C-alpha atoms as a PDB file:
ATOM      1  CA  MET A   1       0.724  34.769  86.457  1.00  0.00           C
ATOM      2  CA  GLU A   2       4.179  35.644  85.091  1.00  0.00           C
ATOM      3  CA  GLN A   3       7.316  33.609  85.777  1.00  0.00           C
ATOM      4  CA  GLY A   4       9.692  35.395  87.940  1.00  0.00           C
ATOM      5  CA  LEU A   5      13.218  36.314  87.087  1.00  0.00           C
ATOM      6  CA  GLY A   6      15.665  33.426  87.912  1.00  0.00           C
ATOM      7  CA  ALA A   7      12.894  31.116  88.646  1.00  0.00           C
ATOM      8  CA  ALA A   8      13.168  27.324  87.711  1.00  0.00           C
ATOM      9  CA  PRO A   9      10.920  25.959  84.853  1.00  0.00           C
ATOM     10  CA  GLY A  10       7.458  25.340  86.215  1.00  0.00           C
ATOM     11  CA  TRP A  11       7.627  27.838  89.024  1.00  0.00           C
ATOM     12  CA  ALA A  12       6.722  31.287  89.443  1.00  0.00           C
ATOM     13  CA  THR A  13       7.507  33.909  92.126  1.00  0.00           C
ATOM     14  CA  ARG A  14       5.203  36.473  93.385  1.00  0.00           C
ATOM     15  CA  SER A  15       5.578  38.792  96.682  1.00  0.00           C
ATOM     16  CA  ASN A  16       8.723  36.727  97.644  1.00  0.00           C
ATOM     17  CA  GLU A  17       6.343  33.333  97.428  1.00  0.00           C
ATOM     18  CA  THR A  18       7.364  30.393  95.311  1.00  0.00           C
ATOM     19  CA  LEU A  19       4.239  29.214  93.156  1.00  0.00           C
ATOM     20  CA  MET A  20       3.903  25.873  91.134  1.00  0.00           C
ATOM     21  CA  ILE A  21       2.689  26.768  87.723  1.00  0.00           C
ATOM     22  CA  GLU A  22       3.233  23.379  86.175  1.00  0.00           C
ATOM     23  CA  PHE A  23       4.024  19.754  86.765  1.00  0.00           C
ATOM     24  CA  VAL A  24       5.978  17.273  84.625  1.00  0.00           C
ATOM     25  CA  LEU A  25       4.216  14.115  84.002  1.00  0.00           C
ATOM     26  CA  GLN A  26       6.793  11.095  84.256  1.00  0.00           C
ATOM     27  CA  GLY A  27       4.741   8.661  82.095  1.00  0.00           C
ATOM     28  CA  PHE A  28       6.666   5.820  80.673  1.00  0.00           C
ATOM     29  CA  SER A  29       9.980   7.761  80.454  1.00  0.00           C
ATOM     30  CA  GLU A  30      11.769   4.996  82.105  1.00  0.00           C
ATOM     31  CA  LEU A  31      10.826   2.631  79.134  1.00  0.00           C
ATOM     32  CA  PRO A  32      12.087   4.532  76.226  1.00  0.00           C
ATOM     33  CA  ARG A  33      12.276   1.467  73.991  1.00  0.00           C
ATOM     34  CA  LEU A  34       8.383   0.841  74.474  1.00  0.00           C
ATOM     35  CA  ARG A  35       7.357   4.313  73.807  1.00  0.00           C
ATOM     36  CA  LEU A  36       6.507   3.542  70.293  1.00  0.00           C
ATOM     37  CA  PRO A  37       4.671   0.401  70.952  1.00  0.00           C
ATOM     38  CA  LEU A  38       2.809   1.805  74.112  1.00  0.00           C
ATOM     39  CA  PHE A  39       1.892   4.781  71.852  1.00  0.00           C
ATOM     40  CA  CYS A  40       0.243   2.360  69.299  1.00  0.00           C
ATOM     41  CA  CYS A  41      -1.413   0.565  71.807  1.00  0.00           C
ATOM     42  CA  PHE A  42      -2.858   3.373  73.709  1.00  0.00           C
ATOM     43  CA  PHE A  43      -4.040   4.865  70.598  1.00  0.00           C
ATOM     44  CA  SER A  44      -5.737   1.972  69.356  1.00  0.00           C
ATOM     45  CA  LEU A  45      -7.472   1.186  72.983  1.00  0.00           C
ATOM     46  CA  TYR A  46      -8.588   5.114  72.822  1.00  0.00           C
ATOM     47  CA  THR A  47      -9.931   4.663  69.460  1.00  0.00           C
ATOM     48  CA  VAL A  48     -11.833   1.550  70.283  1.00  0.00           C
ATOM     49  CA  ALA A  49     -13.256   2.966  73.636  1.00  0.00           C
ATOM     50  CA  LEU A  50     -14.739   6.136  72.060  1.00  0.00           C
ATOM     51  CA  MET A  51     -16.153   4.460  68.978  1.00  0.00           C
ATOM     52  CA  GLY A  52     -17.276   1.438  71.173  1.00  0.00           C
ATOM     53  CA  ASN A  53     -19.072   3.512  73.877  1.00  0.00           C
ATOM     54  CA  ALA A  54     -20.408   5.950  71.191  1.00  0.00           C
ATOM     55  CA  VAL A  55     -22.123   3.156  69.641  1.00  0.00           C
ATOM     56  CA  ILE A  56     -23.618   1.814  72.983  1.00  0.00           C
ATOM     57  CA  ILE A  57     -24.992   5.436  73.506  1.00  0.00           C
ATOM     58  CA  ALA A  58     -26.352   5.515  70.066  1.00  0.00           C
ATOM     59  CA  VAL A  59     -27.976   2.334  69.888  1.00  0.00           C
ATOM     60  CA  GLY A  60     -29.544   2.618  73.580  1.00  0.00           C
ATOM     61  CA  SER A  61     -30.943   6.119  72.659  1.00  0.00           C
ATOM     62  CA  HIS A  62     -32.467   5.076  69.280  1.00  0.00           C
ATOM     63  CA  SER A  63     -33.584   1.544  69.751  1.00  0.00           C
ATOM     64  CA  ALA A  64     -37.181   1.096  71.159  1.00  0.00           C
ATOM     65  CA  SER A  65     -36.042  -2.391  72.230  1.00  0.00           C
ATOM     66  CA  LEU A  66     -33.504  -1.280  74.453  1.00  0.00           C
ATOM     67  CA  GLN A  67     -35.434   1.101  76.951  1.00  0.00           C
ATOM     68  CA  SER A  68     -35.295  -1.051  79.811  1.00  0.00           C
ATOM     69  CA  PRO A  69     -33.499   0.146  83.035  1.00  0.00           C
ATOM     70  CA  MET A  70     -30.457  -2.223  82.336  1.00  0.00           C
ATOM     71  CA  TYR A  71     -29.736  -0.280  78.977  1.00  0.00           C
ATOM     72  CA  PHE A  72     -30.328   3.015  80.453  1.00  0.00           C
ATOM     73  CA  PHE A  73     -27.594   2.625  83.121  1.00  0.00           C
ATOM     74  CA  LEU A  74     -25.391   1.010  80.338  1.00  0.00           C
ATOM     75  CA  CYS A  75     -25.706   4.238  78.437  1.00  0.00           C
ATOM     76  CA  ASN A  76     -24.744   6.074  81.489  1.00  0.00           C
ATOM     77  CA  LEU A  77     -21.763   4.060  82.044  1.00  0.00           C
ATOM     78  CA  ALA A  78     -20.796   4.184  78.428  1.00  0.00           C
ATOM     79  CA  ALA A  79     -20.790   8.386  78.841  1.00  0.00           C
ATOM     80  CA  MET A  80     -18.486   7.912  81.726  1.00  0.00           C
ATOM     81  CA  ASP A  81     -15.962   5.752  80.189  1.00  0.00           C
ATOM     82  CA  ILE A  82     -15.515   8.242  77.388  1.00  0.00           C
ATOM     83  CA  VAL A  83     -15.167  11.084  80.035  1.00  0.00           C
ATOM     84  CA  CYS A  84     -12.699   8.819  81.967  1.00  0.00           C
ATOM     85  CA  THR A  85     -10.591   8.006  78.840  1.00  0.00           C
ATOM     86  CA  SER A  86     -10.636  11.372  77.359  1.00  0.00           C
ATOM     87  CA  SER A  87      -9.400  12.893  80.572  1.00  0.00           C
ATOM     88  CA  VAL A  88      -6.329  10.862  80.466  1.00  0.00           C
ATOM     89  CA  LEU A  89      -5.396   9.393  77.248  1.00  0.00           C
ATOM     90  CA  PRO A  90      -4.719  12.403  75.100  1.00  0.00           C
ATOM     91  CA  LYS A  91      -2.236  13.696  77.566  1.00  0.00           C
ATOM     92  CA  ALA A  92      -0.725  10.287  77.900  1.00  0.00           C
ATOM     93  CA  LEU A  93      -0.245   9.964  74.192  1.00  0.00           C
ATOM     94  CA  VAL A  94       1.480  13.200  74.210  1.00  0.00           C
ATOM     95  CA  GLY A  95       4.034  11.734  76.890  1.00  0.00           C
ATOM     96  CA  LEU A  96       4.772   9.105  74.645  1.00  0.00           C
ATOM     97  CA  ALA A  97       5.251  11.195  71.609  1.00  0.00           C
ATOM     98  CA  PHE A  98       7.579  13.673  73.233  1.00  0.00           C
ATOM     99  CA  GLU A  99      10.318  13.320  75.568  1.00  0.00           C
ATOM    100  CA  GLU A 100       8.966  15.808  78.013  1.00  0.00           C
ATOM    101  CA  ASN A 101       5.201  16.028  78.849  1.00  0.00           C
ATOM    102  CA  THR A 102       4.047  19.072  81.146  1.00  0.00           C
ATOM    103  CA  ILE A 103       0.693  20.016  82.581  1.00  0.00           C
ATOM    104  CA  SER A 104      -0.304  23.382  83.908  1.00  0.00           C
ATOM    105  CA  PHE A 105      -1.317  23.324  87.614  1.00  0.00           C
ATOM    106  CA  PRO A 106      -4.977  24.363  86.455  1.00  0.00           C
ATOM    107  CA  GLY A 107      -5.010  21.436  83.828  1.00  0.00           C
ATOM    108  CA  CYS A 108      -3.563  19.179  86.407  1.00  0.00           C
ATOM    109  CA  MET A 109      -6.684  20.128  88.757  1.00  0.00           C
ATOM    110  CA  ALA A 110      -9.098  19.716  85.766  1.00  0.00           C
ATOM    111  CA  GLN A 111      -7.942  16.324  84.988  1.00  0.00           C
ATOM    112  CA  LEU A 112      -8.068  15.313  88.516  1.00  0.00           C
ATOM    113  CA  PHE A 113     -11.663  16.527  88.913  1.00  0.00           C
ATOM    114  CA  PHE A 114     -12.735  14.793  85.688  1.00  0.00           C
ATOM    115  CA  LEU A 115     -11.155  11.350  86.539  1.00  0.00           C
ATOM    116  CA  THR A 116     -12.511  11.400  90.024  1.00  0.00           C
ATOM    117  CA  TRP A 117     -15.848  12.272  88.655  1.00  0.00           C
ATOM    118  CA  SER A 118     -15.870   9.596  86.101  1.00  0.00           C
ATOM    119  CA  ALA A 119     -14.235   6.760  88.296  1.00  0.00           C
ATOM    120  CA  SER A 120     -16.650   7.292  91.350  1.00  0.00           C
ATOM    121  CA  SER A 121     -19.499   7.519  88.984  1.00  0.00           C
ATOM    122  CA  GLU A 122     -18.721   4.200  87.430  1.00  0.00           C
ATOM    123  CA  LEU A 123     -18.627   2.336  90.810  1.00  0.00           C
ATOM    124  CA  LEU A 124     -21.743   3.882  91.669  1.00  0.00           C
ATOM    125  CA  LEU A 125     -23.473   2.819  88.258  1.00  0.00           C
ATOM    126  CA  LEU A 126     -22.117  -0.838  88.446  1.00  0.00           C
ATOM    127  CA  THR A 127     -23.910  -0.965  91.967  1.00  0.00           C
ATOM    128  CA  ALA A 128     -27.167   0.368  90.482  1.00  0.00           C
ATOM    129  CA  MET A 129     -26.877  -2.333  87.369  1.00  0.00           C
ATOM    130  CA  ALA A 130     -26.105  -5.194  90.069  1.00  0.00           C
ATOM    131  CA  TYR A 131     -29.371  -3.904  92.023  1.00  0.00           C
ATOM    132  CA  ASP A 132     -31.280  -3.968  88.647  1.00  0.00           C
ATOM    133  CA  ARG A 133     -30.059  -7.529  87.925  1.00  0.00           C
ATOM    134  CA  TYR A 134     -31.033  -8.545  91.468  1.00  0.00           C
ATOM    135  CA  VAL A 135     -34.605  -7.343  91.102  1.00  0.00           C
ATOM    136  CA  ALA A 136     -35.104  -8.766  87.695  1.00  0.00           C
ATOM    137  CA  ILE A 137     -33.889 -12.154  88.953  1.00  0.00           C
ATOM    138  CA  CYS A 138     -34.842 -12.418  92.536  1.00  0.00           C
ATOM    139  CA  ARG A 139     -38.088  -9.997  92.412  1.00  0.00           C
ATOM    140  CA  PRO A 140     -39.447 -10.126  88.854  1.00  0.00           C
ATOM    141  CA  LEU A 141     -43.032  -9.590  89.880  1.00  0.00           C
ATOM    142  CA  HIS A 142     -42.031  -6.282  91.413  1.00  0.00           C
ATOM    143  CA  TYR A 143     -39.418  -5.292  88.620  1.00  0.00           C
ATOM    144  CA  SER A 144     -41.751  -2.634  86.843  1.00  0.00           C
ATOM    145  CA  SER A 145     -42.757  -1.010  90.002  1.00  0.00           C
ATOM    146  CA  ARG A 146     -39.112  -0.909  91.833  1.00  0.00           C
ATOM    147  CA  MET A 147     -37.242   0.023  88.609  1.00  0.00           C
ATOM    148  CA  SER A 148     -39.659   2.600  87.197  1.00  0.00           C
ATOM    149  CA  PRO A 149     -38.001   5.033  84.677  1.00  0.00           C
ATOM    150  CA  ARG A 150     -38.557   7.906  87.256  1.00  0.00           C
ATOM    151  CA  LEU A 151     -36.512   6.127  89.707  1.00  0.00           C
ATOM    152  CA  CYS A 152     -33.698   5.299  87.155  1.00  0.00           C
ATOM    153  CA  ARG A 153     -33.668   9.031  86.078  1.00  0.00           C
ATOM    154  CA  SER A 154     -33.448  10.086  89.574  1.00  0.00           C
ATOM    155  CA  LEU A 155     -30.697   7.624  90.337  1.00  0.00           C
ATOM    156  CA  ALA A 156     -28.556   8.602  87.319  1.00  0.00           C
ATOM    157  CA  VAL A 157     -29.019  12.367  88.205  1.00  0.00           C
ATOM    158  CA  GLY A 158     -28.085  11.603  91.700  1.00  0.00           C
ATOM    159  CA  VAL A 159     -24.750   9.540  90.702  1.00  0.00           C
ATOM    160  CA  TRP A 160     -23.825  12.288  88.234  1.00  0.00           C
ATOM    161  CA  ALA A 161     -24.377  15.314  90.905  1.00  0.00           C
ATOM    162  CA  LEU A 162     -22.978  13.490  93.716  1.00  0.00           C
ATOM    163  CA  CYS A 163     -19.814  12.311  92.058  1.00  0.00           C
ATOM    164  CA  ALA A 164     -19.242  15.649  90.534  1.00  0.00           C
ATOM    165  CA  LEU A 165     -19.375  16.961  94.222  1.00  0.00           C
ATOM    166  CA  ASN A 166     -16.793  14.410  95.036  1.00  0.00           C
ATOM    167  CA  GLY A 167     -14.418  15.378  92.197  1.00  0.00           C
ATOM    168  CA  SER A 168     -14.952  19.264  93.175  1.00  0.00           C
ATOM    169  CA  LEU A 169     -14.139  18.308  96.908  1.00  0.00           C
ATOM    170  CA  HIS A 170     -10.876  16.562  96.003  1.00  0.00           C
ATOM    171  CA  ALA A 171      -9.704  19.137  93.440  1.00  0.00           C
ATOM    172  CA  GLY A 172     -10.510  21.930  95.919  1.00  0.00           C
ATOM    173  CA  LEU A 173      -8.671  20.579  98.583  1.00  0.00           C
ATOM    174  CA  MET A 174      -5.632  19.981  96.341  1.00  0.00           C
ATOM    175  CA  THR A 175      -5.669  23.612  95.353  1.00  0.00           C
ATOM    176  CA  ARG A 176      -5.080  24.412  99.100  1.00  0.00           C
ATOM    177  CA  LEU A 177      -1.684  22.692  99.209  1.00  0.00           C
ATOM    178  CA  SER A 178       1.530  24.173  98.535  1.00  0.00           C
ATOM    179  CA  PHE A 179       3.827  22.504  96.020  1.00  0.00           C
ATOM    180  CA  CYS A 180       7.367  23.677  96.789  1.00  0.00           C
ATOM    181  CA  GLY A 181       9.668  20.839  95.943  1.00  0.00           C
ATOM    182  CA  PRO A 182      10.055  18.592  93.017  1.00  0.00           C
ATOM    183  CA  ASN A 183       7.514  19.060  90.407  1.00  0.00           C
ATOM    184  CA  VAL A 184       7.755  15.651  88.667  1.00  0.00           C
ATOM    185  CA  ILE A 185       4.666  13.466  88.984  1.00  0.00           C
ATOM    186  CA  ALA A 186       5.652   9.523  89.070  1.00  0.00           C
ATOM    187  CA  HIS A 187       2.522   8.892  86.865  1.00  0.00           C
ATOM    188  CA  PHE A 188       1.174   9.523  83.499  1.00  0.00           C
ATOM    189  CA  PHE A 189      -1.583  11.753  84.763  1.00  0.00           C
ATOM    190  CA  CYS A 190      -2.504  13.742  87.784  1.00  0.00           C
ATOM    191  CA  GLU A 191      -3.596  11.361  90.646  1.00  0.00           C
ATOM    192  CA  ILE A 192      -4.104  11.914  94.105  1.00  0.00           C
ATOM    193  CA  PRO A 193      -1.583   9.656  95.676  1.00  0.00           C
ATOM    194  CA  PRO A 194       1.500  11.126  93.884  1.00  0.00           C
ATOM    195  CA  LEU A 195       0.427  14.673  94.102  1.00  0.00           C
ATOM    196  CA  LEU A 196       0.123  14.479  98.030  1.00  0.00           C
ATOM    197  CA  LEU A 197       3.663  13.028  98.133  1.00  0.00           C
ATOM    198  CA  LEU A 198       4.898  16.250  96.215  1.00  0.00           C
ATOM    199  CA  SER A 199       3.030  18.742  98.754  1.00  0.00           C
ATOM    200  CA  CYS A 200       5.187  20.653 101.328  1.00  0.00           C
ATOM    201  CA  SER A 201       2.273  21.374 103.322  1.00  0.00           C
ATOM    202  CA  PRO A 202       0.268  19.087 105.619  1.00  0.00           C
ATOM    203  CA  THR A 203      -2.027  16.655 103.906  1.00  0.00           C
ATOM    204  CA  LEU A 204      -3.881  15.137 106.673  1.00  0.00           C
ATOM    205  CA  VAL A 205      -7.324  16.588 105.597  1.00  0.00           C
ATOM    206  CA  ASN A 206      -6.794  15.380 102.031  1.00  0.00           C
ATOM    207  CA  SER A 207      -5.625  11.849 103.224  1.00  0.00           C
ATOM    208  CA  ILE A 208      -8.608  11.576 105.444  1.00  0.00           C
ATOM    209  CA  MET A 209     -11.128  12.699 102.753  1.00  0.00           C
ATOM    210  CA  THR A 210      -9.395  10.143 100.280  1.00  0.00           C
ATOM    211  CA  VAL A 211      -9.768   7.422 102.749  1.00  0.00           C
ATOM    212  CA  LEU A 212     -13.585   8.314 103.487  1.00  0.00           C
ATOM    213  CA  ALA A 213     -14.099   8.249  99.646  1.00  0.00           C
ATOM    214  CA  ASP A 214     -12.564   5.056  99.122  1.00  0.00           C
ATOM    215  CA  ALA A 215     -14.666   3.392 101.978  1.00  0.00           C
ATOM    216  CA  PHE A 216     -17.822   4.829 100.474  1.00  0.00           C
ATOM    217  CA  TYR A 217     -17.214   4.589  96.704  1.00  0.00           C
ATOM    218  CA  GLY A 218     -14.977   1.499  96.591  1.00  0.00           C
ATOM    219  CA  VAL A 219     -15.548  -0.807  99.694  1.00  0.00           C
ATOM    220  CA  LEU A 220     -19.225   0.007 100.346  1.00  0.00           C
ATOM    221  CA  ASN A 221     -20.261  -0.181  96.868  1.00  0.00           C
ATOM    222  CA  PHE A 222     -18.184  -3.378  96.366  1.00  0.00           C
ATOM    223  CA  LEU A 223     -19.986  -5.044  99.364  1.00  0.00           C
ATOM    224  CA  LEU A 224     -23.630  -3.913  98.123  1.00  0.00           C
ATOM    225  CA  THR A 225     -22.612  -5.430  94.646  1.00  0.00           C
ATOM    226  CA  LEU A 226     -21.504  -8.824  96.428  1.00  0.00           C
ATOM    227  CA  VAL A 227     -24.638  -8.888  98.286  1.00  0.00           C
ATOM    228  CA  SER A 228     -26.668  -8.491  95.126  1.00  0.00           C
ATOM    229  CA  TYR A 229     -24.920 -11.269  93.187  1.00  0.00           C
ATOM    230  CA  GLY A 230     -24.970 -13.676  96.250  1.00  0.00           C
ATOM    231  CA  CYS A 231     -28.864 -13.207  96.331  1.00  0.00           C
ATOM    232  CA  ILE A 232     -28.899 -13.706  92.561  1.00  0.00           C
ATOM    233  CA  VAL A 233     -26.552 -16.902  92.732  1.00  0.00           C
ATOM    234  CA  ALA A 234     -28.746 -18.375  95.451  1.00  0.00           C
ATOM    235  CA  SER A 235     -32.039 -17.572  93.603  1.00  0.00           C
ATOM    236  CA  ILE A 236     -30.682 -18.943  90.259  1.00  0.00           C
ATOM    237  CA  LEU A 237     -29.624 -22.198  92.267  1.00  0.00           C
ATOM    238  CA  ARG A 238     -33.145 -22.736  93.355  1.00  0.00           C
ATOM    239  CA  MET A 239     -34.264 -22.691  89.822  1.00  0.00           C
ATOM    240  CA  ARG A 240     -35.480 -26.078  88.631  1.00  0.00           C
ATOM    241  CA  SER A 241     -35.044 -25.735  85.024  1.00  0.00           C
ATOM    242  CA  ALA A 242     -31.447 -25.872  83.553  1.00  0.00           C
ATOM    243  CA  ALA A 243     -32.647 -23.664  80.657  1.00  0.00           C
ATOM    244  CA  GLY A 244     -33.832 -21.083  83.171  1.00  0.00           C
ATOM    245  CA  ARG A 245     -30.563 -21.055  85.012  1.00  0.00           C
ATOM    246  CA  ARG A 246     -28.557 -20.860  81.814  1.00  0.00           C
ATOM    247  CA  ARG A 247     -30.791 -17.818  80.848  1.00  0.00           C
ATOM    248  CA  ALA A 248     -30.323 -16.135  84.119  1.00  0.00           C
ATOM    249  CA  PHE A 249     -26.657 -16.608  84.415  1.00  0.00           C
ATOM    250  CA  SER A 250     -26.364 -15.144  80.753  1.00  0.00           C
ATOM    251  CA  THR A 251     -28.106 -11.908  81.871  1.00  0.00           C
ATOM    252  CA  CYS A 252     -25.722 -10.918  84.524  1.00  0.00           C
ATOM    253  CA  SER A 253     -22.313 -12.647  83.269  1.00  0.00           C
ATOM    254  CA  SER A 254     -21.324  -9.701  81.293  1.00  0.00           C
ATOM    255  CA  HIS A 255     -21.845  -7.176  84.084  1.00  0.00           C
ATOM    256  CA  LEU A 256     -20.097  -9.612  86.688  1.00  0.00           C
ATOM    257  CA  LEU A 257     -17.066  -9.737  84.440  1.00  0.00           C
ATOM    258  CA  VAL A 258     -16.879  -5.873  83.909  1.00  0.00           C
ATOM    259  CA  VAL A 259     -17.365  -5.527  87.657  1.00  0.00           C
ATOM    260  CA  SER A 260     -14.232  -7.920  88.476  1.00  0.00           C
ATOM    261  CA  VAL A 261     -11.740  -6.165  86.143  1.00  0.00           C
ATOM    262  CA  TYR A 262     -12.830  -2.653  87.295  1.00  0.00           C
ATOM    263  CA  TYR A 263     -12.809  -3.432  90.988  1.00  0.00           C
ATOM    264  CA  SER A 264      -9.552  -5.258  90.612  1.00  0.00           C
ATOM    265  CA  ALA A 265      -7.771  -2.229  89.183  1.00  0.00           C
ATOM    266  CA  VAL A 266      -9.550   0.525  91.610  1.00  0.00           C
ATOM    267  CA  PHE A 267      -8.692  -1.582  94.700  1.00  0.00           C
ATOM    268  CA  CYS A 268      -4.811  -2.035  93.399  1.00  0.00           C
ATOM    269  CA  ALA A 269      -4.740   1.780  92.662  1.00  0.00           C
ATOM    270  CA  TYR A 270      -6.420   3.517  95.567  1.00  0.00           C
ATOM    271  CA  ILE A 271      -7.030   0.982  98.430  1.00  0.00           C
ATOM    272  CA  SER A 272      -3.647   1.619 100.098  1.00  0.00           C
ATOM    273  CA  PRO A 273      -2.182   4.419 102.116  1.00  0.00           C
ATOM    274  CA  ALA A 274      -0.338   7.256 100.148  1.00  0.00           C
ATOM    275  CA  SER A 275       3.008   6.186 102.061  1.00  0.00           C
ATOM    276  CA  SER A 276       2.937   2.901 100.466  1.00  0.00           C
ATOM    277  CA  TYR A 277       2.419   4.308  97.076  1.00  0.00           C
ATOM    278  CA  SER A 278       4.248   2.436  94.251  1.00  0.00           C
ATOM    279  CA  PRO A 279       4.461   4.223  90.689  1.00  0.00           C
ATOM    280  CA  GLU A 280       4.653   1.021  88.818  1.00  0.00           C
ATOM    281  CA  ARG A 281       2.003  -0.732  90.456  1.00  0.00           C
ATOM    282  CA  SER A 282      -0.247   2.451  90.017  1.00  0.00           C
ATOM    283  CA  LYS A 283       0.528   2.699  86.416  1.00  0.00           C
ATOM    284  CA  VAL A 284      -0.270  -0.958  85.546  1.00  0.00           C
ATOM    285  CA  SER A 285      -3.684  -0.563  87.684  1.00  0.00           C
ATOM    286  CA  ALA A 286      -4.568   2.789  85.921  1.00  0.00           C
ATOM    287  CA  VAL A 287      -4.165   1.382  82.458  1.00  0.00           C
ATOM    288  CA  LEU A 288      -6.740  -1.295  83.435  1.00  0.00           C
ATOM    289  CA  TYR A 289      -9.326   1.075  84.676  1.00  0.00           C
ATOM    290  CA  THR A 290      -8.606   4.121  82.487  1.00  0.00           C
ATOM    291  CA  MET A 291      -7.923   2.431  79.337  1.00  0.00           C
ATOM    292  CA  LEU A 292      -8.780  -1.230  79.226  1.00  0.00           C
ATOM    293  CA  SER A 293     -11.916  -1.431  81.246  1.00  0.00           C
ATOM    294  CA  PRO A 294     -13.388   1.282  79.048  1.00  0.00           C
ATOM    295  CA  THR A 295     -12.499  -0.448  75.924  1.00  0.00           C
ATOM    296  CA  LEU A 296     -13.692  -3.776  76.872  1.00  0.00           C
ATOM    297  CA  ASN A 297     -17.105  -2.674  78.537  1.00  0.00           C
ATOM    298  CA  PRO A 298     -18.870  -2.088  74.988  1.00  0.00           C
ATOM    299  CA  ILE A 299     -17.387  -5.011  73.619  1.00  0.00           C
ATOM    300  CA  VAL A 300     -18.221  -7.296  76.407  1.00  0.00           C
ATOM    301  CA  TYR A 301     -21.884  -6.213  76.391  1.00  0.00           C
ATOM    302  CA  SER A 302     -22.327  -6.249  72.828  1.00  0.00           C
ATOM    303  CA  LEU A 303     -20.905  -9.561  72.186  1.00  0.00           C
ATOM    304  CA  ARG A 304     -22.792 -11.428  74.728  1.00  0.00           C
ATOM    305  CA  ASN A 305     -25.964  -9.682  74.236  1.00  0.00           C
ATOM    306  CA  THR A 306     -28.362 -10.740  71.243  1.00  0.00           C
ATOM    307  CA  GLU A 307     -30.731  -7.436  71.683  1.00  0.00           C
ATOM    308  CA  ILE A 308     -27.829  -4.936  71.272  1.00  0.00           C
ATOM    309  CA  LYS A 309     -26.502  -6.832  68.388  1.00  0.00           C
ATOM    310  CA  HIS A 310     -29.952  -6.861  66.683  1.00  0.00           C
ATOM    311  CA  ALA A 311     -30.464  -3.205  67.593  1.00  0.00           C
ATOM    312  CA  LEU A 312     -27.203  -2.419  66.185  1.00  0.00           C
ATOM    313  CA  GLY A 313     -27.912  -4.204  62.920  1.00  0.00           C
ATOM    314  CA  ARG A 314     -31.153  -2.146  62.768  1.00  0.00           C
ATOM    315  CA  LEU A 315     -29.458   0.924  63.333  1.00  0.00           C
ATOM    316  CA  ILE A 316     -26.737   0.182  60.668  1.00  0.00           C
ATOM    317  CA  SER A 317     -29.543  -0.552  58.173  1.00  0.00           C
ATOM    318  CA  SER A 318     -31.405   2.444  58.797  1.00  0.00           C
ATOM    319  CA  LEU A 319     -28.522   4.538  58.212  1.00  0.00           C
END
């Protein structure tokens, strides 16, 4: 696609039709004094997130003592954390390093797909991990039959496939819209709410699908997680041994902390109508679930889990 004569930057003309060829990511341009500190902070978070989640995958894949369903889902969560941060952080770092940060229309749609795919996958994986802890604590005698390796693999494949379909659906619906006004996205990556605000064509179908996705991936999975932990807490409180209660709480405390941080950020970013979109609030919540949460996940799980620490020590000594 060639840019027509006299067309503004980011636009192209073809058969008397103006077409969007690129967007400008606003990023944190309203905070020029904080560009260098933010760049250093984001680069550090990205590095720690990549290394930490890669270590979780390596340890979980090569350690015979970490072949339980909990660590299988944890490895899947680490893989999705890498996809999430890698789809957002490199472009955000470019925006902090240079004054203007542009992204092509296909690049924006690709970023939207990978971000939607990873974010929705993490929500489903967190629900699967909550169910795993429920069966382990509340139904220990049926754990091996309910959480068989075949079932866990099927759940993981289903999560990846279903969420890839979800990402393709939202990206495909976005490509059907017309963008003929301002091309500045009030964010540091391509996200559904600010893109809908830039469209000059009807966005009712996009909004309906976004609400349905929020209801399924956000609200429904959050309620399922709450039910799982409600049963877990009730079962733990019925235990007579104080040592048994502490041991049971320790097996699910890390996951509960990760769930609390992630859902708080996601709800703040997405569980609201597009008309009430706030760029400042969305940027802060996006930093939490695209940068901070993927960085904290491997740290929280490794620091509070002696099995992972022992497996990591054996892996390092073997290398």
